[in-house]
């Protein structure tokens, strides 16, 4: 860890840098699937079913399997389940809801284009404002290219409950969107267009 002085990047306060990396879950899982598919293919069969949501989990009537998964393409019996739906867990597992389970929190994210090259912003990931905001730049193809930054958070504007207990990701709150649009231009004066519109914006539930 070392301190980054505000003179280096133009912010109004110092920051701390920790050695770390961004994780792209889809790429990680895809790579794991490819590795598993290549491992002793004569010993077991591995299949991937996409566009096949599980709509219910019930005890299986099969003597050799513990669970039965209902899907639009049929029923699957299995002995083990890896339930990786984050904030949406209680949809299939009701006991995971409420204070004793996973508390969903709606998260807002934007893709904003910088007004300066990546060299003036660093290629690190950051979080600030007591963790309410986070951001990281996407890779660029040329040194003078203006990078696209992924910025998320803005929950300090989502009053009164900061979007806790909210798993509805069909709504993008404009008050949160304004907080996100204003954050980077305020943090890096002159390096982002004030009031600029995002190239993309989306919502996702997390815990």
N, C-alpha and C. Protein backbone atom coordinates (compact mmCIF):
# COMPACT_ATOMS: atom_id res chain seq x y z
N UNK A 1 0.84 -1.18 0.00
CA UNK A 1 0.00 0.00 0.00
C UNK A 1 0.88 1.24 0.00
N UNK A 2 0.49 2.27 -0.75
CA UNK A 2 1.17 3.54 -0.63
C UNK A 2 0.18 4.68 -0.87
N UNK A 3 0.54 5.85 -0.36
CA UNK A 3 -0.34 7.00 -0.47
C UNK A 3 -0.16 7.68 -1.82
N UNK A 4 -1.26 7.98 -2.48
CA UNK A 4 -1.23 8.73 -3.73
C UNK A 4 -1.61 10.18 -3.40
N UNK A 5 -0.69 11.10 -3.57
CA UNK A 5 -0.97 12.49 -3.27
C UNK A 5 -1.92 13.08 -4.30
N UNK A 6 -2.74 14.03 -3.87
CA UNK A 6 -3.73 14.60 -4.76
C UNK A 6 -3.10 15.31 -5.94
N UNK A 7 -1.86 15.82 -5.79
CA UNK A 7 -1.21 16.49 -6.91
C UNK A 7 -0.99 15.55 -8.10
N UNK A 8 -0.89 14.25 -7.84
CA UNK A 8 -0.57 13.30 -8.90
C UNK A 8 -1.72 13.11 -9.88
N UNK A 9 -2.97 13.14 -9.37
CA UNK A 9 -4.11 12.86 -10.24
C UNK A 9 -5.19 13.93 -10.19
N UNK A 10 -4.96 14.99 -9.43
CA UNK A 10 -5.87 16.12 -9.47
C UNK A 10 -7.07 16.04 -8.55
N UNK A 11 -7.12 15.05 -7.66
CA UNK A 11 -8.23 14.99 -6.71
C UNK A 11 -7.98 15.96 -5.57
N UNK A 12 -9.01 16.21 -4.78
CA UNK A 12 -8.90 17.16 -3.69
C UNK A 12 -8.46 16.52 -2.38
N UNK A 13 -8.14 15.23 -2.42
CA UNK A 13 -7.71 14.54 -1.19
C UNK A 13 -6.86 13.33 -1.57
N UNK A 14 -6.06 12.82 -0.64
CA UNK A 14 -5.19 11.67 -0.95
C UNK A 14 -5.97 10.36 -0.96
N UNK A 15 -5.32 9.31 -1.46
CA UNK A 15 -5.94 7.99 -1.49
C UNK A 15 -4.92 6.92 -1.23
N UNK A 16 -5.41 5.71 -0.99
CA UNK A 16 -4.53 4.56 -0.73
C UNK A 16 -4.70 3.54 -1.85
N UNK A 17 -3.59 2.97 -2.27
CA UNK A 17 -3.63 1.94 -3.31
C UNK A 17 -3.22 0.59 -2.71
N UNK A 18 -4.02 -0.44 -3.00
CA UNK A 18 -3.74 -1.80 -2.53
C UNK A 18 -3.53 -2.70 -3.75
N UNK A 19 -2.56 -3.59 -3.72
CA UNK A 19 -2.40 -4.53 -4.84
C UNK A 19 -3.63 -5.42 -4.97
N UNK A 20 -4.26 -5.41 -6.12
CA UNK A 20 -5.47 -6.21 -6.33
C UNK A 20 -5.79 -6.24 -7.82
N UNK A 21 -6.87 -6.95 -8.16
CA UNK A 21 -7.30 -7.05 -9.56
C UNK A 21 -8.81 -7.07 -9.60
N UNK A 22 -9.37 -6.70 -10.75
CA UNK A 22 -10.80 -6.84 -10.99
C UNK A 22 -11.10 -8.28 -11.40
N UNK A 23 -12.25 -8.75 -10.99
CA UNK A 23 -12.68 -10.10 -11.34
C UNK A 23 -13.91 -10.01 -12.23
N UNK A 24 -13.85 -10.64 -13.39
CA UNK A 24 -14.98 -10.71 -14.32
C UNK A 24 -15.60 -12.09 -14.15
N UNK A 25 -16.70 -12.20 -13.38
CA UNK A 25 -17.25 -13.52 -13.03
C UNK A 25 -17.56 -14.40 -14.24
N UNK A 26 -18.14 -13.82 -15.30
CA UNK A 26 -18.51 -14.63 -16.46
C UNK A 26 -17.28 -15.27 -17.09
N UNK A 27 -16.20 -14.49 -17.23
CA UNK A 27 -14.98 -15.04 -17.81
C UNK A 27 -14.37 -16.11 -16.91
N UNK A 28 -14.41 -15.89 -15.60
CA UNK A 28 -13.86 -16.87 -14.66
C UNK A 28 -14.62 -18.20 -14.77
N UNK A 29 -15.94 -18.13 -14.73
CA UNK A 29 -16.75 -19.35 -14.78
C UNK A 29 -16.58 -20.04 -16.13
N UNK A 30 -16.50 -19.25 -17.21
CA UNK A 30 -16.31 -19.84 -18.54
C UNK A 30 -14.98 -20.59 -18.60
N UNK A 31 -13.94 -20.00 -18.04
CA UNK A 31 -12.63 -20.64 -18.05
C UNK A 31 -12.65 -21.92 -17.21
N UNK A 32 -13.30 -21.87 -16.05
CA UNK A 32 -13.40 -23.06 -15.21
C UNK A 32 -14.15 -24.18 -15.94
N UNK A 33 -15.20 -23.79 -16.66
CA UNK A 33 -15.97 -24.79 -17.41
C UNK A 33 -15.11 -25.44 -18.49
N UNK A 34 -14.32 -24.63 -19.20
CA UNK A 34 -13.45 -25.18 -20.24
C UNK A 34 -12.41 -26.12 -19.65
N UNK A 35 -11.83 -25.75 -18.52
CA UNK A 35 -10.84 -26.61 -17.87
C UNK A 35 -11.47 -27.92 -17.43
N UNK A 36 -12.66 -27.83 -16.83
CA UNK A 36 -13.33 -29.04 -16.37
C UNK A 36 -13.72 -29.94 -17.53
N UNK A 37 -14.11 -29.34 -18.66
CA UNK A 37 -14.51 -30.13 -19.83
C UNK A 37 -13.34 -30.92 -20.41
N UNK A 38 -12.13 -30.39 -20.26
CA UNK A 38 -10.95 -31.04 -20.82
C UNK A 38 -10.33 -32.07 -19.86
N UNK A 39 -10.84 -32.14 -18.63
CA UNK A 39 -10.22 -33.01 -17.63
C UNK A 39 -10.84 -34.41 -17.68
N UNK A 40 -10.09 -35.38 -18.14
CA UNK A 40 -10.51 -36.78 -18.18
C UNK A 40 -11.92 -36.94 -18.76
N UNK A 41 -12.14 -36.56 -20.01
CA UNK A 41 -13.48 -36.64 -20.61
C UNK A 41 -14.03 -38.07 -20.65
N UNK A 42 -13.16 -39.06 -20.52
CA UNK A 42 -13.64 -40.44 -20.54
C UNK A 42 -14.16 -40.88 -19.17
N UNK A 43 -13.96 -40.06 -18.13
CA UNK A 43 -14.37 -40.44 -16.78
C UNK A 43 -15.74 -39.88 -16.39
N UNK A 44 -16.11 -38.75 -16.96
CA UNK A 44 -17.41 -38.15 -16.61
C UNK A 44 -17.88 -37.28 -17.76
N UNK A 45 -19.17 -36.91 -17.70
CA UNK A 45 -19.78 -36.06 -18.72
C UNK A 45 -20.19 -34.74 -18.09
N UNK A 46 -19.81 -33.64 -18.73
CA UNK A 46 -20.15 -32.31 -18.23
C UNK A 46 -20.96 -31.59 -19.29
N UNK A 47 -22.14 -31.09 -18.90
CA UNK A 47 -22.99 -30.37 -19.83
C UNK A 47 -23.34 -29.00 -19.26
N UNK A 48 -23.44 -28.02 -20.13
CA UNK A 48 -23.82 -26.66 -19.74
C UNK A 48 -25.15 -26.33 -20.39
N UNK A 49 -26.14 -25.95 -19.59
CA UNK A 49 -27.46 -25.58 -20.08
C UNK A 49 -27.66 -24.09 -19.86
N UNK A 50 -27.74 -23.33 -20.94
CA UNK A 50 -27.98 -21.90 -20.84
C UNK A 50 -29.46 -21.60 -21.07
N UNK A 51 -29.89 -20.40 -20.70
CA UNK A 51 -31.29 -19.99 -20.85
C UNK A 51 -32.22 -21.02 -20.21
N UNK A 52 -31.82 -21.51 -19.05
CA UNK A 52 -32.59 -22.54 -18.35
C UNK A 52 -32.71 -22.17 -16.87
N UNK A 53 -33.55 -21.19 -16.55
CA UNK A 53 -33.67 -20.78 -15.15
C UNK A 53 -34.34 -21.85 -14.29
N UNK A 54 -33.86 -22.00 -13.09
CA UNK A 54 -34.50 -22.89 -12.12
C UNK A 54 -35.66 -22.13 -11.49
N UNK A 55 -36.85 -22.70 -11.54
CA UNK A 55 -38.05 -22.03 -11.02
C UNK A 55 -38.49 -22.57 -9.68
N UNK A 56 -37.96 -23.73 -9.28
CA UNK A 56 -38.32 -24.29 -7.97
C UNK A 56 -37.31 -25.35 -7.56
N UNK A 57 -37.10 -25.46 -6.26
CA UNK A 57 -36.24 -26.50 -5.68
C UNK A 57 -37.07 -27.28 -4.68
N UNK A 58 -37.19 -28.60 -4.89
CA UNK A 58 -37.99 -29.44 -4.00
C UNK A 58 -37.23 -30.74 -3.72
N UNK A 59 -37.57 -31.43 -2.62
CA UNK A 59 -36.95 -32.74 -2.37
C UNK A 59 -37.26 -33.70 -3.51
N UNK A 60 -36.28 -34.47 -3.89
CA UNK A 60 -36.43 -35.37 -5.03
C UNK A 60 -37.09 -36.67 -4.60
N UNK A 61 -37.88 -37.22 -5.51
CA UNK A 61 -38.49 -38.54 -5.26
C UNK A 61 -37.55 -39.66 -5.68
N UNK A 62 -36.43 -39.29 -6.31
CA UNK A 62 -35.46 -40.28 -6.75
C UNK A 62 -34.69 -40.83 -5.56
N UNK A 63 -34.48 -42.14 -5.54
CA UNK A 63 -33.77 -42.76 -4.43
C UNK A 63 -32.28 -42.43 -4.44
N UNK A 64 -31.76 -42.00 -5.59
CA UNK A 64 -30.33 -41.74 -5.70
C UNK A 64 -29.98 -40.25 -5.69
N UNK A 65 -30.98 -39.38 -5.65
CA UNK A 65 -30.73 -37.94 -5.67
C UNK A 65 -31.54 -37.26 -4.57
N UNK A 66 -31.00 -36.18 -4.03
CA UNK A 66 -31.65 -35.49 -2.91
C UNK A 66 -32.61 -34.40 -3.34
N UNK A 67 -32.32 -33.76 -4.49
CA UNK A 67 -33.08 -32.58 -4.87
C UNK A 67 -33.61 -32.67 -6.29
N UNK A 68 -34.72 -31.97 -6.52
CA UNK A 68 -35.33 -31.89 -7.84
C UNK A 68 -35.43 -30.42 -8.23
N UNK A 69 -34.89 -30.07 -9.40
CA UNK A 69 -34.92 -28.71 -9.89
C UNK A 69 -35.91 -28.59 -11.03
N UNK A 70 -36.86 -27.70 -10.91
CA UNK A 70 -37.84 -27.48 -11.97
C UNK A 70 -37.34 -26.37 -12.89
N UNK A 71 -37.38 -26.62 -14.20
CA UNK A 71 -36.96 -25.63 -15.19
C UNK A 71 -37.96 -25.65 -16.34
N UNK A 72 -37.99 -24.60 -17.18
CA UNK A 72 -38.90 -24.61 -18.34
C UNK A 72 -38.59 -25.73 -19.33
N UNK A 73 -37.41 -26.34 -19.23
CA UNK A 73 -37.02 -27.41 -20.16
C UNK A 73 -37.15 -28.79 -19.54
N UNK A 74 -37.70 -28.85 -18.32
CA UNK A 74 -37.87 -30.14 -17.68
C UNK A 74 -37.30 -30.13 -16.27
N UNK A 75 -37.30 -31.32 -15.67
CA UNK A 75 -36.85 -31.48 -14.29
C UNK A 75 -35.48 -32.13 -14.25
N UNK A 76 -34.64 -31.65 -13.33
CA UNK A 76 -33.31 -32.21 -13.14
C UNK A 76 -33.18 -32.67 -11.69
N UNK A 77 -32.77 -33.92 -11.48
CA UNK A 77 -32.53 -34.44 -10.15
C UNK A 77 -31.03 -34.40 -9.85
N UNK A 78 -30.68 -33.99 -8.65
CA UNK A 78 -29.27 -33.85 -8.31
C UNK A 78 -29.05 -34.06 -6.82
N UNK A 79 -27.80 -34.24 -6.46
CA UNK A 79 -27.43 -34.41 -5.06
C UNK A 79 -26.88 -33.13 -4.44
N UNK A 80 -26.32 -32.25 -5.26
CA UNK A 80 -25.73 -31.02 -4.77
C UNK A 80 -26.19 -29.83 -5.61
N UNK A 81 -26.33 -28.70 -4.97
CA UNK A 81 -26.73 -27.46 -5.64
C UNK A 81 -25.78 -26.35 -5.21
N UNK A 82 -25.22 -25.63 -6.17
CA UNK A 82 -24.49 -24.41 -5.88
C UNK A 82 -25.42 -23.26 -6.24
N UNK A 83 -25.90 -22.57 -5.22
CA UNK A 83 -26.89 -21.52 -5.41
C UNK A 83 -26.15 -20.18 -5.45
N UNK A 84 -25.97 -19.63 -6.66
CA UNK A 84 -25.15 -18.42 -6.82
C UNK A 84 -25.95 -17.29 -7.42
N UNK A 85 -27.05 -16.93 -6.77
CA UNK A 85 -27.91 -15.86 -7.29
C UNK A 85 -27.84 -14.61 -6.43
N UNK A 86 -26.89 -14.55 -5.50
CA UNK A 86 -26.63 -13.33 -4.76
C UNK A 86 -27.90 -12.83 -4.07
N UNK A 87 -28.30 -11.58 -4.35
CA UNK A 87 -29.41 -10.96 -3.64
C UNK A 87 -30.75 -11.62 -3.93
N UNK A 88 -30.81 -12.45 -4.97
CA UNK A 88 -32.08 -13.05 -5.36
C UNK A 88 -32.28 -14.45 -4.76
N UNK A 89 -31.45 -14.82 -3.80
CA UNK A 89 -31.50 -16.18 -3.25
C UNK A 89 -32.86 -16.54 -2.67
N UNK A 90 -33.51 -15.61 -1.98
CA UNK A 90 -34.76 -15.94 -1.29
C UNK A 90 -35.90 -16.24 -2.24
N UNK A 91 -35.74 -15.95 -3.54
CA UNK A 91 -36.78 -16.29 -4.51
C UNK A 91 -37.00 -17.79 -4.56
N UNK A 92 -35.93 -18.56 -4.44
CA UNK A 92 -36.03 -20.02 -4.44
C UNK A 92 -35.85 -20.62 -3.06
N UNK A 93 -35.17 -19.88 -2.19
CA UNK A 93 -34.91 -20.36 -0.83
C UNK A 93 -35.50 -19.36 0.16
N UNK A 94 -36.78 -19.47 0.50
CA UNK A 94 -37.44 -18.47 1.34
C UNK A 94 -36.76 -18.24 2.69
N UNK A 95 -36.11 -19.29 3.23
CA UNK A 95 -35.47 -19.12 4.53
C UNK A 95 -34.26 -18.20 4.47
N UNK A 96 -33.82 -17.85 3.24
CA UNK A 96 -32.70 -16.93 3.10
C UNK A 96 -33.15 -15.47 3.05
N UNK A 97 -34.44 -15.22 3.22
CA UNK A 97 -34.94 -13.85 3.22
C UNK A 97 -34.93 -13.25 4.61
N UNK A 98 -35.14 -11.95 4.69
CA UNK A 98 -35.23 -11.26 5.98
C UNK A 98 -33.89 -11.03 6.64
N UNK A 99 -33.95 -10.56 7.88
CA UNK A 99 -32.73 -10.22 8.60
C UNK A 99 -31.83 -11.41 8.85
N UNK A 100 -32.40 -12.61 8.93
CA UNK A 100 -31.60 -13.81 9.20
C UNK A 100 -30.98 -14.38 7.93
N UNK A 101 -31.32 -13.82 6.78
CA UNK A 101 -30.81 -14.34 5.52
C UNK A 101 -29.96 -13.33 4.79
N UNK A 102 -30.15 -13.25 3.47
CA UNK A 102 -29.41 -12.30 2.64
C UNK A 102 -30.27 -11.07 2.42
N UNK A 103 -29.74 -9.91 2.74
CA UNK A 103 -30.47 -8.65 2.57
C UNK A 103 -30.15 -8.08 1.20
N UNK A 104 -31.10 -8.08 0.27
CA UNK A 104 -30.81 -7.55 -1.07
C UNK A 104 -30.63 -6.03 -1.04
N UNK A 105 -29.78 -5.55 -1.89
CA UNK A 105 -29.54 -4.11 -2.04
C UNK A 105 -29.42 -3.80 -3.52
N UNK A 106 -30.24 -2.87 -4.00
CA UNK A 106 -30.20 -2.53 -5.43
C UNK A 106 -28.97 -1.69 -5.72
N UNK A 107 -28.24 -2.07 -6.76
CA UNK A 107 -27.03 -1.35 -7.14
C UNK A 107 -27.18 -0.71 -8.52
N UNK A 108 -26.73 0.53 -8.65
CA UNK A 108 -26.77 1.25 -9.92
C UNK A 108 -25.37 1.38 -10.48
N UNK A 109 -25.23 1.25 -11.79
CA UNK A 109 -23.92 1.32 -12.45
C UNK A 109 -24.06 2.11 -13.75
N UNK A 110 -23.00 2.86 -14.07
CA UNK A 110 -22.95 3.63 -15.32
C UNK A 110 -21.61 3.42 -16.01
N UNK A 111 -21.61 3.66 -17.32
CA UNK A 111 -20.37 3.71 -18.10
C UNK A 111 -20.20 5.14 -18.60
N UNK A 112 -19.20 5.86 -18.07
CA UNK A 112 -18.96 7.26 -18.41
C UNK A 112 -17.64 7.41 -19.15
N UNK A 113 -17.64 8.23 -20.19
CA UNK A 113 -16.42 8.46 -20.97
C UNK A 113 -15.65 9.64 -20.38
N UNK A 114 -14.35 9.44 -20.17
CA UNK A 114 -13.50 10.51 -19.66
C UNK A 114 -13.21 11.51 -20.76
N UNK A 115 -12.76 12.69 -20.35
CA UNK A 115 -12.39 13.74 -21.31
C UNK A 115 -10.89 13.81 -21.51
N UNK A 116 -10.14 12.93 -20.85
CA UNK A 116 -8.67 12.92 -20.93
C UNK A 116 -8.19 11.49 -21.12
N UNK A 117 -6.95 11.28 -21.55
CA UNK A 117 -6.41 9.92 -21.71
C UNK A 117 -6.28 9.19 -20.39
N UNK A 118 -6.13 7.88 -20.48
CA UNK A 118 -6.02 7.03 -19.30
C UNK A 118 -4.82 7.40 -18.43
N UNK A 119 -3.74 7.90 -19.04
CA UNK A 119 -2.54 8.25 -18.29
C UNK A 119 -2.79 9.31 -17.23
N UNK A 120 -3.86 10.09 -17.39
CA UNK A 120 -4.18 11.12 -16.42
C UNK A 120 -5.14 10.65 -15.34
N UNK A 121 -5.54 9.38 -15.42
CA UNK A 121 -6.51 8.85 -14.46
C UNK A 121 -6.03 7.60 -13.74
N UNK A 122 -5.02 6.93 -14.24
CA UNK A 122 -4.51 5.64 -13.78
C UNK A 122 -5.45 4.52 -14.21
N UNK A 123 -4.94 3.31 -14.25
CA UNK A 123 -5.76 2.16 -14.64
C UNK A 123 -6.17 1.34 -13.43
N UNK A 124 -6.20 1.95 -12.27
CA UNK A 124 -6.56 1.26 -11.03
C UNK A 124 -8.07 1.30 -10.79
N UNK A 125 -8.51 0.42 -9.93
CA UNK A 125 -9.89 0.46 -9.42
C UNK A 125 -9.88 1.23 -8.11
N UNK A 126 -10.97 1.93 -7.83
CA UNK A 126 -11.03 2.75 -6.63
C UNK A 126 -12.41 2.68 -5.99
N UNK A 127 -12.45 3.02 -4.72
CA UNK A 127 -13.73 3.30 -4.07
C UNK A 127 -13.53 4.50 -3.16
N UNK A 128 -14.62 5.24 -2.92
CA UNK A 128 -14.52 6.48 -2.14
C UNK A 128 -15.85 6.75 -1.45
N UNK A 129 -15.91 7.89 -0.77
CA UNK A 129 -17.14 8.33 -0.12
C UNK A 129 -17.66 7.24 0.83
N UNK A 130 -16.73 6.73 1.65
CA UNK A 130 -17.05 5.67 2.63
C UNK A 130 -17.63 4.43 1.97
N UNK A 131 -17.19 4.18 0.76
CA UNK A 131 -17.63 2.98 0.06
C UNK A 131 -18.90 3.13 -0.75
N UNK A 132 -19.51 4.31 -0.74
CA UNK A 132 -20.73 4.50 -1.50
C UNK A 132 -20.48 4.51 -3.00
N UNK A 133 -19.28 4.95 -3.46
CA UNK A 133 -18.96 4.96 -4.87
C UNK A 133 -17.72 4.12 -5.16
N UNK A 134 -17.70 3.50 -6.34
CA UNK A 134 -16.53 2.77 -6.81
C UNK A 134 -16.44 2.97 -8.31
N UNK A 135 -15.23 2.83 -8.85
CA UNK A 135 -15.07 3.01 -10.29
C UNK A 135 -13.77 2.36 -10.76
N UNK A 136 -13.74 2.03 -12.04
CA UNK A 136 -12.52 1.51 -12.66
C UNK A 136 -12.59 1.77 -14.16
N UNK A 137 -11.44 2.01 -14.80
CA UNK A 137 -11.43 2.27 -16.23
C UNK A 137 -11.36 0.98 -17.04
N UNK A 138 -11.97 1.01 -18.21
CA UNK A 138 -11.85 -0.10 -19.15
C UNK A 138 -10.55 0.06 -19.92
N UNK A 139 -9.99 -1.03 -20.45
CA UNK A 139 -8.75 -0.95 -21.23
C UNK A 139 -8.92 -0.07 -22.47
N UNK A 140 -7.82 0.52 -22.93
CA UNK A 140 -7.83 1.34 -24.14
C UNK A 140 -6.93 0.70 -25.19
N UNK A 141 -7.14 1.06 -26.45
CA UNK A 141 -6.36 0.50 -27.55
C UNK A 141 -5.23 1.40 -28.00
N UNK A 142 -5.24 2.67 -27.56
CA UNK A 142 -4.21 3.62 -27.95
C UNK A 142 -3.93 4.56 -26.79
N UNK A 143 -2.71 5.07 -26.66
CA UNK A 143 -2.36 5.93 -25.52
C UNK A 143 -3.21 7.19 -25.41
N UNK A 144 -3.66 7.74 -26.55
CA UNK A 144 -4.43 8.98 -26.50
C UNK A 144 -5.94 8.75 -26.46
N UNK A 145 -6.36 7.48 -26.41
CA UNK A 145 -7.79 7.17 -26.35
C UNK A 145 -8.37 7.57 -25.00
N UNK A 146 -9.56 8.15 -25.02
CA UNK A 146 -10.24 8.54 -23.79
C UNK A 146 -11.00 7.33 -23.25
N UNK A 147 -10.67 6.88 -22.06
CA UNK A 147 -11.22 5.62 -21.57
C UNK A 147 -12.67 5.72 -21.12
N UNK A 148 -13.33 4.59 -21.15
CA UNK A 148 -14.66 4.44 -20.59
C UNK A 148 -14.50 3.94 -19.16
N UNK A 149 -15.13 4.62 -18.21
CA UNK A 149 -15.03 4.22 -16.81
C UNK A 149 -16.36 3.65 -16.34
N UNK A 150 -16.29 2.56 -15.60
CA UNK A 150 -17.46 1.96 -14.97
C UNK A 150 -17.54 2.51 -13.55
N UNK A 151 -18.63 3.19 -13.25
CA UNK A 151 -18.81 3.80 -11.93
C UNK A 151 -20.12 3.31 -11.35
N UNK A 152 -20.09 2.91 -10.09
CA UNK A 152 -21.27 2.40 -9.43
C UNK A 152 -21.44 2.97 -8.05
N UNK A 153 -22.64 2.76 -7.50
CA UNK A 153 -22.92 3.25 -6.15
C UNK A 153 -24.03 4.27 -6.17
N UNK A 154 -23.77 5.43 -5.54
CA UNK A 154 -24.78 6.49 -5.49
C UNK A 154 -25.91 6.23 -4.51
N UNK A 155 -25.74 5.21 -3.66
CA UNK A 155 -26.85 4.86 -2.77
C UNK A 155 -27.12 5.92 -1.70
N UNK A 156 -26.18 6.86 -1.49
CA UNK A 156 -26.45 7.92 -0.52
C UNK A 156 -27.61 8.80 -0.96
N UNK A 157 -27.93 8.74 -2.28
CA UNK A 157 -29.07 9.49 -2.80
C UNK A 157 -30.36 8.70 -2.74
N UNK A 158 -30.28 7.42 -2.44
CA UNK A 158 -31.46 6.54 -2.44
C UNK A 158 -32.11 6.51 -1.05
N UNK A 159 -32.59 7.64 -0.64
CA UNK A 159 -33.23 7.75 0.67
C UNK A 159 -34.66 7.25 0.60
N UNK A 160 -35.23 6.76 1.71
CA UNK A 160 -34.66 6.78 3.06
C UNK A 160 -33.86 5.52 3.45
N UNK A 161 -33.93 4.44 2.64
CA UNK A 161 -33.33 3.18 3.08
C UNK A 161 -32.09 2.78 2.30
N UNK A 162 -31.54 3.71 1.48
CA UNK A 162 -30.31 3.45 0.70
C UNK A 162 -30.45 2.23 -0.22
N UNK A 163 -31.69 1.92 -0.61
CA UNK A 163 -32.01 0.79 -1.50
C UNK A 163 -31.73 -0.57 -0.88
N UNK A 164 -31.63 -0.63 0.46
CA UNK A 164 -31.59 -1.94 1.13
C UNK A 164 -32.97 -2.60 1.01
N UNK A 165 -33.02 -3.93 1.03
CA UNK A 165 -34.23 -4.72 0.92
C UNK A 165 -34.93 -4.51 -0.42
N UNK A 166 -34.18 -4.09 -1.44
CA UNK A 166 -34.76 -3.84 -2.76
C UNK A 166 -34.07 -4.70 -3.81
N UNK A 167 -34.80 -5.67 -4.36
CA UNK A 167 -34.25 -6.57 -5.37
C UNK A 167 -34.85 -6.32 -6.75
N UNK A 168 -35.70 -5.31 -6.89
CA UNK A 168 -36.31 -4.98 -8.18
C UNK A 168 -35.29 -4.24 -9.03
N UNK A 169 -34.72 -4.91 -10.02
CA UNK A 169 -33.72 -4.28 -10.88
C UNK A 169 -34.31 -3.82 -12.21
N UNK A 170 -35.63 -3.58 -12.24
CA UNK A 170 -36.27 -3.08 -13.46
C UNK A 170 -36.35 -1.55 -13.46
N UNK A 171 -35.96 -0.92 -12.34
CA UNK A 171 -36.08 0.53 -12.20
C UNK A 171 -34.71 1.15 -11.99
N UNK A 172 -34.38 2.15 -12.80
CA UNK A 172 -33.17 2.93 -12.61
C UNK A 172 -33.58 4.27 -12.00
N UNK A 173 -33.16 4.51 -10.76
CA UNK A 173 -33.55 5.73 -10.06
C UNK A 173 -32.76 6.92 -10.60
N UNK A 174 -33.47 7.97 -11.02
CA UNK A 174 -32.81 9.13 -11.59
C UNK A 174 -32.05 9.94 -10.54
N UNK A 175 -32.48 9.91 -9.27
CA UNK A 175 -31.73 10.62 -8.23
C UNK A 175 -30.37 9.95 -8.01
N UNK A 176 -30.35 8.62 -8.06
CA UNK A 176 -29.07 7.91 -7.96
C UNK A 176 -28.23 8.15 -9.21
N UNK A 177 -28.88 8.17 -10.37
CA UNK A 177 -28.16 8.43 -11.62
C UNK A 177 -27.48 9.78 -11.61
N UNK A 178 -28.14 10.79 -11.07
CA UNK A 178 -27.54 12.12 -11.00
C UNK A 178 -26.32 12.12 -10.09
N UNK A 179 -26.43 11.39 -8.95
CA UNK A 179 -25.29 11.30 -8.04
C UNK A 179 -24.09 10.65 -8.73
N UNK A 180 -24.33 9.63 -9.54
CA UNK A 180 -23.25 8.96 -10.24
C UNK A 180 -22.66 9.84 -11.35
N UNK A 181 -23.52 10.53 -12.09
CA UNK A 181 -23.03 11.40 -13.17
C UNK A 181 -22.17 12.54 -12.62
N UNK A 182 -22.51 13.04 -11.43
CA UNK A 182 -21.80 14.18 -10.86
C UNK A 182 -20.55 13.78 -10.10
N UNK A 183 -20.40 12.49 -9.77
CA UNK A 183 -19.33 12.09 -8.86
C UNK A 183 -17.94 12.26 -9.46
N UNK A 184 -17.66 11.64 -10.59
CA UNK A 184 -16.32 11.71 -11.17
C UNK A 184 -15.94 13.12 -11.65
N UNK A 185 -16.85 13.88 -12.28
CA UNK A 185 -16.49 15.26 -12.61
C UNK A 185 -16.13 16.09 -11.39
N UNK A 186 -16.78 15.82 -10.25
CA UNK A 186 -16.45 16.56 -9.04
C UNK A 186 -15.14 16.10 -8.42
N UNK A 187 -14.83 14.82 -8.58
CA UNK A 187 -13.61 14.27 -8.00
C UNK A 187 -12.39 14.64 -8.83
N UNK A 188 -12.53 14.61 -10.15
CA UNK A 188 -11.42 14.92 -11.06
C UNK A 188 -11.79 16.15 -11.89
N UNK A 189 -11.61 17.35 -11.35
CA UNK A 189 -12.01 18.57 -12.09
C UNK A 189 -11.34 18.65 -13.46
N UNK A 190 -12.15 18.90 -14.48
CA UNK A 190 -11.65 19.08 -15.83
C UNK A 190 -11.37 17.79 -16.59
N UNK A 191 -11.54 16.63 -15.94
CA UNK A 191 -11.22 15.37 -16.60
C UNK A 191 -12.46 14.59 -17.05
N UNK A 192 -13.63 15.11 -16.69
CA UNK A 192 -14.91 14.54 -17.14
C UNK A 192 -15.84 15.69 -17.48
N UNK A 193 -16.70 15.48 -18.46
CA UNK A 193 -17.67 16.49 -18.83
C UNK A 193 -18.76 16.58 -17.78
N UNK A 194 -18.97 17.77 -17.24
CA UNK A 194 -20.04 17.95 -16.26
C UNK A 194 -21.40 17.79 -16.93
N UNK A 195 -22.25 17.00 -16.29
CA UNK A 195 -23.59 16.78 -16.84
C UNK A 195 -23.61 15.84 -18.02
N UNK A 196 -22.48 15.19 -18.33
CA UNK A 196 -22.44 14.28 -19.46
C UNK A 196 -23.30 13.04 -19.24
N UNK A 197 -23.89 12.57 -20.31
CA UNK A 197 -24.76 11.39 -20.22
C UNK A 197 -23.92 10.12 -20.32
N UNK A 198 -24.30 9.07 -19.61
CA UNK A 198 -23.56 7.81 -19.68
C UNK A 198 -23.77 7.12 -21.02
N UNK A 199 -22.79 6.33 -21.43
CA UNK A 199 -22.94 5.54 -22.65
C UNK A 199 -23.81 4.31 -22.40
N UNK A 200 -23.82 3.86 -21.14
CA UNK A 200 -24.71 2.77 -20.73
C UNK A 200 -25.04 2.97 -19.26
N UNK A 201 -26.16 2.43 -18.83
CA UNK A 201 -26.47 2.41 -17.40
C UNK A 201 -27.35 1.19 -17.13
N UNK A 202 -27.19 0.61 -15.96
CA UNK A 202 -27.93 -0.60 -15.63
C UNK A 202 -28.06 -0.74 -14.12
N UNK A 203 -28.89 -1.69 -13.72
CA UNK A 203 -29.19 -1.95 -12.31
C UNK A 203 -29.03 -3.43 -12.05
N UNK A 204 -28.51 -3.77 -10.87
CA UNK A 204 -28.37 -5.16 -10.49
C UNK A 204 -28.46 -5.31 -8.99
N UNK A 205 -29.10 -6.37 -8.53
CA UNK A 205 -29.22 -6.61 -7.10
C UNK A 205 -27.98 -7.30 -6.55
N UNK A 206 -27.57 -6.94 -5.35
CA UNK A 206 -26.47 -7.59 -4.67
C UNK A 206 -26.78 -7.60 -3.20
N UNK A 207 -25.89 -8.17 -2.38
CA UNK A 207 -26.20 -8.23 -0.95
C UNK A 207 -25.18 -7.43 -0.18
